[in-house]
Amino acid sequence: MTSNHDTRTAETDALRDRAGANRGGVLATLRVQYPDVLADRGFRLLHPRTGDHYTGDRRHLVATCRSIANLAVGALVDGPDWCIDAAEHGLRFLREAHRATGGEHDDGAGGGYHLVVDGSGEPVDRTRSAYAHAFVLLAYARSTDAGIEGAAADLEATHELIEARFRDEAGLLRSDCDPDWTEKEAYRGQNANMHACEAYLAAYEATGEERYLDRARHIAETITVELAGETGGLLWEHYSDEWDHDFAYNEETPRHQFRPPGYQPGHHIEWAKFLALLDRYGADPPKVDAGTTGWYERARELFDSAVDHGWAENGFVYTHEANGTPIVADRYGWALAEAMGASAALSERAVANGDDEAAGVLDEWNRRFEICADLYRGPAGVWYEKRLAPEDGGGVVPPDSPGVEPDYHPLGARYEGYRSARRRLRDD
């Protein structure tokens, strides 16, 4: 007969194994890329099939910031010293090339960061992207958390920039702007705001300052509770500049890389992870009455919705109608990676909330997602962008250049798996 002590010991050993495996996954991701990703200035992305550098010399702000954040996470899991060195290498390029004030390409238009530059730092696209500036905040937040000198000051400055230039009357991020900060279109998007929530959570983790948690909480409540209350709890992507749902936006371009029409299960599951973190950090529960009682419960609803509407055995469909009918059935790797991280975080919060049955279900989902990960990892160890839908052959598709995905989603999933397992061990 197995004793309670034996069962507890087996569970503890399993959590230790999970923490170790996920830490190893973080470091393995970075070791696949280092030092090949380093350029004379900034980073170069690697092709998932060959490991070769992508051709061309354009550097995207999102990729620069995600690479910095990845390397800072490597330091946070006690990785090798080169994690800090490489993150600092990226920070120099971020400050000297992408940043439009204080660097050699100051355009005098009031600061911000250029969206695309070339390898020498010359601006190619001067758009002030709300989405990309969320990742600037994330890069500085992770770097601050890793103890990199000077990052805390840039974190504060970026927060002030976002407050002054992007925060609208609803307390959310407005849309992309020209260098003079004139908005390019009367548009608001949940995606930029979701990643701002992520960055503010990271800023709170790095500093302990409640103002960052408050910002994350406000964005989350508005997007996932208040606005979602108008669409049956599902998360719509596109809005007018008055935050009215724009159901016709981009309806003629269903495969748009950043702003497709329809509901995205990947974003539902990504939001589930962030709401789990709000629950973890004790953020005040939602004040809007939408049938939920707390962040954990709302996170579970979003997770379950993503699985119910979007899971297709080897990944999540890209987009679907409100009734779950697929619009684009391609399976993107980032959505699967986010599911790995979300299921880990939610399982930890299930245990913390006394919901052991749900924790078991979530752990099982986590194992299923982990098994599928190999379907998206190329021979060079880097993830493909997506797999085509089975009816289109099911083949793998690498990112286009200049890519924005230096395995930030898979690494983030491993990081969340690592720290969620460690929290469960600590609270055991």
Protein backbone atom coordinates (compact mmCIF):
# COMPACT_ATOMS: atom_id res chain seq x y z
CA MET A 1 0.00 0.00 0.00
CA THR A 2 1.32 3.43 -0.91
CA SER A 3 1.45 5.79 2.04
CA ASN A 4 0.57 9.48 1.96
CA HIS A 5 4.24 10.18 2.63
CA ASP A 6 5.30 8.20 -0.43
CA THR A 7 2.71 9.96 -2.57
CA ARG A 8 3.86 13.36 -1.32
CA THR A 9 7.49 12.48 -1.98
CA ALA A 10 6.66 11.36 -5.54
CA GLU A 11 4.78 14.62 -6.17
CA THR A 12 7.68 16.65 -4.82
CA ASP A 13 10.14 14.76 -6.99
CA ALA A 14 7.93 15.31 -10.03
CA LEU A 15 7.81 19.06 -9.38
CA ARG A 16 11.58 19.20 -8.95
CA ASP A 17 11.99 17.34 -12.23
CA ARG A 18 9.58 19.76 -13.91
CA ALA A 19 11.44 22.80 -12.57
CA GLY A 20 14.75 21.35 -13.71
CA ALA A 21 13.45 20.41 -17.14
CA ASN A 22 12.02 23.87 -17.71
CA ARG A 23 15.19 25.61 -16.52
CA GLY A 24 17.08 23.36 -18.90
CA GLY A 25 14.65 24.32 -21.64
CA VAL A 26 15.36 28.02 -21.10
CA LEU A 27 19.10 27.48 -21.28
CA ALA A 28 18.89 25.05 -24.20
CA THR A 29 16.97 27.66 -26.20
CA LEU A 30 19.64 30.26 -25.54
CA ARG A 31 22.53 27.88 -26.21
CA VAL A 32 21.07 26.99 -29.60
CA GLN A 33 21.27 30.65 -30.52
CA TYR A 34 24.36 31.95 -28.74
CA PRO A 35 26.74 33.25 -30.06
CA ASP A 36 25.41 32.94 -33.63
CA VAL A 37 22.63 35.47 -33.05
CA LEU A 38 25.11 38.21 -32.17
CA ALA A 39 25.91 40.70 -34.90
CA ASP A 40 28.46 43.50 -34.73
CA ARG A 41 25.49 45.53 -33.53
CA GLY A 42 22.28 43.98 -32.28
CA PHE A 43 21.00 40.51 -33.09
CA ARG A 44 20.33 38.34 -36.14
CA LEU A 45 17.60 35.71 -36.20
CA LEU A 46 18.36 32.12 -37.17
CA HIS A 47 16.50 29.96 -39.66
CA PRO A 48 14.79 26.99 -37.93
CA ARG A 49 15.77 24.50 -40.63
CA THR A 50 19.42 25.39 -41.24
CA GLY A 51 20.51 27.56 -38.34
CA ASP A 52 21.82 30.09 -40.85
CA HIS A 53 21.29 33.82 -40.39
CA TYR A 54 18.36 35.32 -42.20
CA THR A 55 19.48 37.31 -45.22
CA GLY A 56 19.05 41.06 -45.19
CA ASP A 57 20.16 43.59 -42.64
CA ARG A 58 16.92 44.89 -41.19
CA ARG A 59 16.41 44.72 -37.42
CA HIS A 60 12.89 44.85 -35.99
CA LEU A 61 12.34 46.57 -32.64
CA VAL A 62 10.18 43.71 -31.38
CA ALA A 63 12.90 41.15 -32.15
CA THR A 64 15.58 43.27 -30.50
CA CYS A 65 13.53 43.64 -27.33
CA ARG A 66 12.43 40.00 -27.23
CA SER A 67 16.05 38.87 -27.59
CA ILE A 68 17.11 41.11 -24.70
CA ALA A 69 14.26 39.81 -22.56
CA ASN A 70 15.17 36.21 -23.39
CA LEU A 71 18.79 36.67 -22.36
CA ALA A 72 17.80 38.45 -19.16
CA VAL A 73 15.57 35.50 -18.30
CA GLY A 74 18.61 33.28 -18.83
CA ALA A 75 20.34 35.25 -16.09
CA LEU A 76 17.24 35.00 -13.87
CA VAL A 77 17.47 31.19 -13.95
CA ASP A 78 21.18 31.37 -13.05
CA GLY A 79 22.39 30.76 -16.56
CA PRO A 80 25.96 31.35 -17.79
CA ASP A 81 27.61 34.77 -17.53
CA TRP A 82 27.25 35.37 -21.25
CA CYS A 83 23.49 35.85 -20.75
CA ILE A 84 24.18 39.22 -19.12
CA ASP A 85 26.90 40.11 -21.63
CA ALA A 86 24.63 39.36 -24.59
CA ALA A 87 21.68 41.21 -23.04
CA GLU A 88 23.90 44.26 -22.54
CA HIS A 89 24.99 43.93 -26.17
CA GLY A 90 21.33 44.14 -27.19
CA LEU A 91 20.61 47.03 -24.84
CA ARG A 92 23.35 49.08 -26.48
CA PHE A 93 21.74 48.57 -29.88
CA LEU A 94 18.30 49.37 -28.48
CA ARG A 95 19.57 52.64 -27.03
CA GLU A 96 21.92 53.69 -29.81
CA ALA A 97 20.02 52.57 -32.91
CA HIS A 98 16.32 52.09 -32.21
CA ARG A 99 15.95 54.95 -29.73
CA ALA A 100 15.16 58.23 -31.47
CA THR A 101 16.33 60.46 -28.66
CA GLY A 102 19.68 60.38 -26.94
CA GLY A 103 21.23 58.30 -29.73
CA GLU A 104 22.97 59.21 -32.94
CA HIS A 105 19.68 59.25 -34.88
CA ASP A 106 17.73 61.67 -32.69
CA ASP A 107 15.00 62.99 -34.98
CA GLY A 108 13.89 65.75 -32.63
CA ALA A 109 10.28 64.55 -32.73
CA GLY A 110 9.89 63.81 -29.06
CA GLY A 111 11.59 60.49 -28.53
CA GLY A 112 10.35 56.97 -28.87
CA TYR A 113 11.87 54.04 -30.72
CA HIS A 114 12.13 53.36 -34.45
CA LEU A 115 10.30 50.21 -35.52
CA VAL A 116 12.90 48.97 -38.05
CA VAL A 117 16.55 49.93 -38.46
CA ASP A 118 19.40 48.47 -40.45
CA GLY A 119 22.51 46.88 -39.00
CA SER A 120 24.31 50.22 -38.76
CA GLY A 121 21.39 51.74 -36.90
CA GLU A 122 19.94 53.80 -39.75
CA PRO A 123 16.14 54.03 -39.47
CA VAL A 124 14.20 52.10 -42.11
CA ASP A 125 10.73 52.50 -40.58
CA ARG A 126 10.25 55.34 -38.09
CA THR A 127 6.81 54.20 -36.94
CA ARG A 128 6.21 54.60 -33.22
CA SER A 129 4.50 51.25 -32.69
CA ALA A 130 2.39 50.81 -29.56
CA TYR A 131 2.87 47.05 -29.76
CA ALA A 132 6.65 47.38 -30.08
CA HIS A 133 6.94 49.93 -27.27
CA ALA A 134 5.29 47.40 -24.96
CA PHE A 135 8.26 45.15 -25.72
CA VAL A 136 10.70 47.99 -25.03
CA LEU A 137 9.17 48.16 -21.56
CA LEU A 138 9.46 44.37 -21.23
CA ALA A 139 13.13 44.38 -22.26
CA TYR A 140 14.02 46.98 -19.66
CA ALA A 141 11.88 45.24 -17.01
CA ARG A 142 13.55 41.85 -17.48
CA SER A 143 16.96 43.53 -17.59
CA THR A 144 16.19 45.38 -14.35
CA ASP A 145 15.11 42.11 -12.74
CA ALA A 146 18.42 40.57 -13.86
CA GLY A 147 20.36 43.40 -12.20
CA ILE A 148 21.78 44.94 -15.38
CA GLU A 149 23.21 48.37 -14.68
CA GLY A 150 21.21 51.27 -16.08
CA ALA A 151 18.14 49.24 -16.97
CA ALA A 152 16.05 50.55 -14.08
CA ALA A 153 16.43 54.15 -15.28
CA ASP A 154 15.38 53.16 -18.79
CA LEU A 155 12.43 51.21 -17.39
CA GLU A 156 11.25 54.35 -15.62
CA ALA A 157 11.82 56.51 -18.70
CA THR A 158 9.92 54.08 -20.94
CA HIS A 159 7.01 53.98 -18.53
CA GLU A 160 6.90 57.79 -18.60
CA LEU A 161 7.09 57.75 -22.41
CA ILE A 162 4.16 55.33 -22.65
CA GLU A 163 2.18 57.42 -20.17
CA ALA A 164 2.81 60.60 -22.16
CA ARG A 165 2.58 59.29 -25.70
CA PHE A 166 0.44 56.16 -25.80
CA ARG A 167 -1.94 56.16 -22.84
CA ASP A 168 -5.40 57.26 -23.95
CA GLU A 169 -8.41 58.54 -22.02
CA ALA A 170 -9.48 54.97 -21.22
CA GLY A 171 -6.11 54.31 -19.59
CA LEU A 172 -5.09 51.93 -22.40
CA LEU A 173 -2.56 52.15 -25.22
CA ARG A 174 -3.60 54.00 -28.34
CA SER A 175 -2.48 53.00 -31.82
CA ASP A 176 0.68 53.31 -33.92
CA CYS A 177 1.97 56.79 -34.62
CA ASP A 178 4.15 58.69 -37.03
CA PRO A 179 7.41 60.13 -35.63
CA ASP A 180 5.55 63.34 -34.68
CA TRP A 181 3.15 61.16 -32.61
CA THR A 182 0.20 61.67 -34.94
CA GLU A 183 -1.87 58.49 -34.97
CA LYS A 184 -1.76 56.57 -38.23
CA GLU A 185 -5.41 55.50 -37.96
CA ALA A 186 -8.40 55.72 -35.65
CA TYR A 187 -7.74 52.29 -34.19
CA ARG A 188 -7.29 50.55 -30.86
CA GLY A 189 -6.06 46.96 -30.50
CA GLN A 190 -6.16 44.44 -27.71
CA ASN A 191 -2.85 42.85 -28.78
CA ALA A 192 -0.68 45.89 -28.00
CA ASN A 193 -2.51 46.26 -24.70
CA MET A 194 -2.10 42.59 -23.83
CA HIS A 195 1.67 42.89 -24.22
CA ALA A 196 1.65 46.14 -22.24
CA CYS A 197 -0.04 44.16 -19.46
CA GLU A 198 2.73 41.56 -19.74
CA ALA A 199 5.41 44.25 -19.56
CA TYR A 200 3.85 45.94 -16.56
CA LEU A 201 3.67 42.60 -14.76
CA ALA A 202 7.38 42.11 -15.48
CA ALA A 203 8.07 45.65 -14.25
CA TYR A 204 6.25 44.82 -11.02
CA GLU A 205 8.26 41.61 -10.64
CA ALA A 206 11.48 43.60 -11.14
CA THR A 207 10.70 46.51 -8.82
CA GLY A 208 7.83 45.59 -6.51
CA GLU A 209 6.24 48.94 -7.35
CA GLU A 210 2.45 48.78 -7.08
CA ARG A 211 1.91 51.37 -9.84
CA TYR A 212 3.05 48.80 -12.41
CA LEU A 213 0.71 46.15 -11.02
CA ASP A 214 -2.11 48.70 -11.09
CA ARG A 215 -1.44 49.43 -14.76
CA ALA A 216 -1.47 45.71 -15.60
CA ARG A 217 -4.64 45.20 -13.63
CA HIS A 218 -6.49 48.09 -15.29
CA ILE A 219 -5.62 46.88 -18.79
CA ALA A 220 -6.62 43.33 -17.95
CA GLU A 221 -9.94 44.29 -16.44
CA THR A 222 -10.88 46.55 -19.34
CA ILE A 223 -9.97 44.06 -22.08
CA THR A 224 -10.81 40.68 -20.55
CA VAL A 225 -13.79 41.55 -18.40
CA GLU A 226 -15.46 44.82 -19.39
CA LEU A 227 -15.09 44.68 -23.18
CA ALA A 228 -15.34 40.90 -23.30
CA GLY A 229 -18.67 41.20 -21.51
CA GLU A 230 -20.05 42.56 -24.78
CA THR A 231 -18.95 39.49 -26.78
CA GLY A 232 -20.08 36.65 -24.55
CA GLY A 233 -16.76 36.49 -22.70
CA LEU A 234 -14.64 36.07 -25.85
CA LEU A 235 -11.87 38.55 -26.64
CA TRP A 236 -12.25 40.61 -29.79
CA GLU A 237 -9.06 42.02 -31.30
CA HIS A 238 -10.00 45.33 -32.95
CA TYR A 239 -11.69 48.52 -31.79
CA SER A 240 -12.36 52.09 -32.82
CA ASP A 241 -10.48 54.89 -31.11
CA GLU A 242 -13.49 55.13 -28.76
CA TRP A 243 -13.11 51.44 -27.84
CA ASP A 244 -16.16 50.30 -29.74
CA HIS A 245 -15.83 46.80 -31.24
CA ASP A 246 -14.87 46.96 -34.92
CA PHE A 247 -16.07 43.61 -36.23
CA ALA A 248 -15.30 44.48 -39.86
CA TYR A 249 -11.65 45.39 -39.34
CA ASN A 250 -9.33 43.58 -41.79
CA GLU A 251 -12.13 41.16 -42.70
CA GLU A 252 -10.67 40.95 -46.21
CA THR A 253 -7.20 39.92 -44.94
CA PRO A 254 -7.78 36.87 -42.72
CA ARG A 255 -4.07 35.94 -42.71
CA HIS A 256 -2.80 39.32 -41.52
CA GLN A 257 0.34 38.73 -39.44
CA PHE A 258 -0.53 41.01 -36.53
CA ARG A 259 -4.17 42.07 -36.93
CA PRO A 260 -6.30 39.24 -38.36
CA PRO A 261 -10.10 39.32 -38.07
CA GLY A 262 -11.86 36.84 -35.80
CA TYR A 263 -11.14 35.47 -32.35
CA GLN A 264 -7.65 34.14 -31.59
CA PRO A 265 -7.48 31.22 -29.16
CA GLY A 266 -3.75 31.91 -28.78
CA HIS A 267 -4.52 35.30 -27.28
CA HIS A 268 -7.21 33.86 -25.02
CA ILE A 269 -4.68 31.43 -23.61
CA GLU A 270 -1.97 34.11 -23.39
CA TRP A 271 -4.33 36.32 -21.42
CA ALA A 272 -5.12 33.34 -19.17
CA LYS A 273 -1.44 33.28 -18.18
CA PHE A 274 -1.36 36.98 -17.38
CA LEU A 275 -4.55 36.77 -15.32
CA ALA A 276 -3.00 33.88 -13.40
CA LEU A 277 -0.10 36.21 -12.57
CA LEU A 278 -2.51 38.90 -11.37
CA ASP A 279 -4.00 36.28 -9.07
CA ARG A 280 -0.49 35.26 -7.96
CA TYR A 281 0.44 38.82 -7.02
CA GLY A 282 -2.81 39.55 -5.20
CA ALA A 283 -4.14 42.22 -7.56
CA ASP A 284 -7.59 43.49 -6.64
CA PRO A 285 -10.26 41.39 -8.36
CA PRO A 286 -12.29 42.79 -11.26
CA LYS A 287 -14.87 45.38 -10.26
CA VAL A 288 -17.01 44.95 -13.36
CA ASP A 289 -19.80 42.43 -12.84
CA ALA A 290 -19.36 39.86 -15.61
CA GLY A 291 -20.14 36.69 -13.71
CA THR A 292 -16.62 36.14 -12.42
CA THR A 293 -15.33 36.37 -8.87
CA GLY A 294 -11.59 36.70 -9.37
CA TRP A 295 -8.62 36.58 -11.71
CA TYR A 296 -8.12 32.85 -11.33
CA GLU A 297 -11.70 32.09 -12.30
CA ARG A 298 -11.58 34.43 -15.30
CA ALA A 299 -8.25 32.91 -16.37
CA ARG A 300 -9.80 29.44 -16.30
CA GLU A 301 -12.68 30.66 -18.46
CA LEU A 302 -10.28 32.01 -21.08
CA PHE A 303 -8.16 28.86 -21.00
CA ASP A 304 -11.21 26.63 -21.38
CA SER A 305 -12.54 28.80 -24.21
CA ALA A 306 -9.24 28.51 -26.10
CA VAL A 307 -9.25 24.74 -25.75
CA ASP A 308 -12.93 24.35 -26.61
CA HIS A 309 -12.85 26.60 -29.68
CA GLY A 310 -9.30 26.34 -30.91
CA TRP A 311 -7.52 23.12 -29.94
CA ALA A 312 -6.97 20.83 -32.92
CA GLU A 313 -4.84 18.02 -31.43
CA ASN A 314 -1.53 19.25 -32.85
CA GLY A 315 -1.96 22.93 -32.03
CA PHE A 316 -4.47 25.76 -31.98
CA VAL A 317 -6.20 27.16 -35.04
CA TYR A 318 -5.14 30.73 -35.71
CA THR A 319 -8.60 32.36 -35.74
CA HIS A 320 -12.25 31.35 -35.51
CA GLU A 321 -15.77 32.72 -35.55
CA ALA A 322 -17.71 33.27 -32.33
CA ASN A 323 -19.21 29.78 -32.63
CA GLY A 324 -15.78 28.16 -33.00
CA THR A 325 -15.84 27.72 -36.79
CA PRO A 326 -12.22 28.15 -37.97
CA ILE A 327 -11.40 31.14 -40.17
CA VAL A 328 -7.68 30.35 -40.57
CA ALA A 329 -6.88 26.80 -39.42
CA ASP A 330 -3.07 27.16 -39.54
CA ARG A 331 -1.44 26.23 -36.22
CA TYR A 332 0.99 28.86 -34.97
CA GLY A 333 3.84 27.79 -32.74
CA TRP A 334 3.53 30.79 -30.44
CA ALA A 335 -0.01 29.78 -29.44
CA LEU A 336 1.13 26.29 -28.41
CA ALA A 337 4.03 27.76 -26.46
CA GLU A 338 1.70 30.13 -24.62
CA ALA A 339 -0.53 27.19 -23.77
CA MET A 340 2.44 25.48 -22.14
CA GLY A 341 3.12 28.53 -19.98
CA ALA A 342 -0.53 29.20 -19.20
CA SER A 343 -1.28 25.65 -18.11
CA ALA A 344 1.76 25.71 -15.80
CA ALA A 345 0.79 29.03 -14.24
CA LEU A 346 -2.86 28.06 -13.88
CA SER A 347 -1.99 24.72 -12.31
CA GLU A 348 0.08 26.55 -9.70
CA ARG A 349 -2.79 28.95 -9.03
CA ALA A 350 -5.28 26.06 -8.88
CA VAL A 351 -3.24 24.52 -6.05
CA ALA A 352 -2.95 27.91 -4.33
CA ASN A 353 -6.73 28.34 -4.57
CA GLY A 354 -7.43 24.84 -3.20
CA ASP A 355 -8.62 23.55 -6.57
CA ASP A 356 -6.60 20.33 -6.69
CA GLU A 357 -8.89 18.64 -9.21
CA ALA A 358 -8.36 21.49 -11.69
CA ALA A 359 -4.62 21.34 -11.06
CA GLY A 360 -4.58 17.72 -12.20
CA VAL A 361 -6.52 18.55 -15.35
CA LEU A 362 -4.20 21.45 -16.13
CA ASP A 363 -1.11 19.33 -15.52
CA GLU A 364 -2.44 16.81 -18.02
CA TRP A 365 -3.00 19.58 -20.59
CA ASN A 366 0.54 20.77 -19.96
CA ARG A 367 1.87 17.30 -20.79
CA ARG A 368 -0.18 17.21 -24.00
CA PHE A 369 1.15 20.59 -25.08
CA GLU A 370 4.71 19.54 -24.28
CA ILE A 371 4.39 16.45 -26.49
CA CYS A 372 3.28 18.62 -29.41
CA ALA A 373 6.21 21.02 -29.07
CA ASP A 374 8.51 18.82 -31.15
CA LEU A 375 6.18 19.34 -34.12
CA TYR A 376 7.20 23.01 -34.24
CA ARG A 377 10.94 22.78 -33.50
CA GLY A 378 13.15 22.80 -36.59
CA PRO A 379 16.33 20.73 -37.11
CA ALA A 380 18.42 23.71 -35.99
CA GLY A 381 16.56 23.80 -32.67
CA VAL A 382 14.62 26.99 -33.43
CA TRP A 383 10.83 26.96 -33.71
CA TYR A 384 9.01 27.34 -36.99
CA GLU A 385 6.40 30.07 -37.21
CA LYS A 386 3.52 27.69 -37.90
CA ARG A 387 2.24 24.45 -39.38
CA LEU A 388 -0.25 24.72 -42.19
CA ALA A 389 -3.70 23.26 -41.68
CA PRO A 390 -3.95 19.55 -42.62
CA GLU A 391 -6.12 20.37 -45.62
CA ASP A 392 -3.23 22.53 -46.89
CA GLY A 393 -0.63 19.81 -46.41
CA GLY A 394 0.34 20.42 -42.78
CA GLY A 395 3.84 21.59 -43.70
CA VAL A 396 6.02 23.79 -41.54
CA VAL A 397 6.59 27.47 -42.37
CA PRO A 398 9.61 29.49 -41.18
CA PRO A 399 9.25 33.18 -40.24
CA ASP A 400 9.69 35.85 -42.89
CA SER A 401 12.55 38.34 -42.58
CA PRO A 402 12.90 40.51 -40.58
CA GLY A 403 11.41 38.12 -38.07
CA VAL A 404 10.15 39.13 -34.66
CA GLU A 405 10.30 35.71 -32.96
CA PRO A 406 13.68 34.74 -31.46
CA ASP A 407 11.89 31.89 -29.61
CA TYR A 408 10.53 34.38 -27.10
CA HIS A 409 7.28 32.43 -26.73
CA PRO A 410 8.88 28.99 -26.18
CA LEU A 411 11.45 30.44 -23.79
CA GLY A 412 8.76 32.33 -21.89
CA ALA A 413 6.76 29.12 -21.58
CA ARG A 414 9.77 27.35 -20.09
CA TYR A 415 10.40 30.23 -17.70
CA GLU A 416 6.83 30.14 -16.46
CA GLY A 417 6.98 26.35 -16.12
CA TYR A 418 10.17 26.72 -14.07
CA ARG A 419 8.93 29.32 -11.65
CA SER A 420 5.44 27.84 -11.31
CA ALA A 421 6.93 24.49 -10.30
CA ARG A 422 9.26 26.23 -7.86
CA ARG A 423 6.37 28.11 -6.26
CA ARG A 424 4.47 24.86 -5.83
CA LEU A 425 7.53 23.33 -4.17
CA ARG A 426 7.93 26.33 -1.90
CA ASP A 427 4.27 26.32 -0.86
CA ASP A 428 4.12 22.54 -0.48
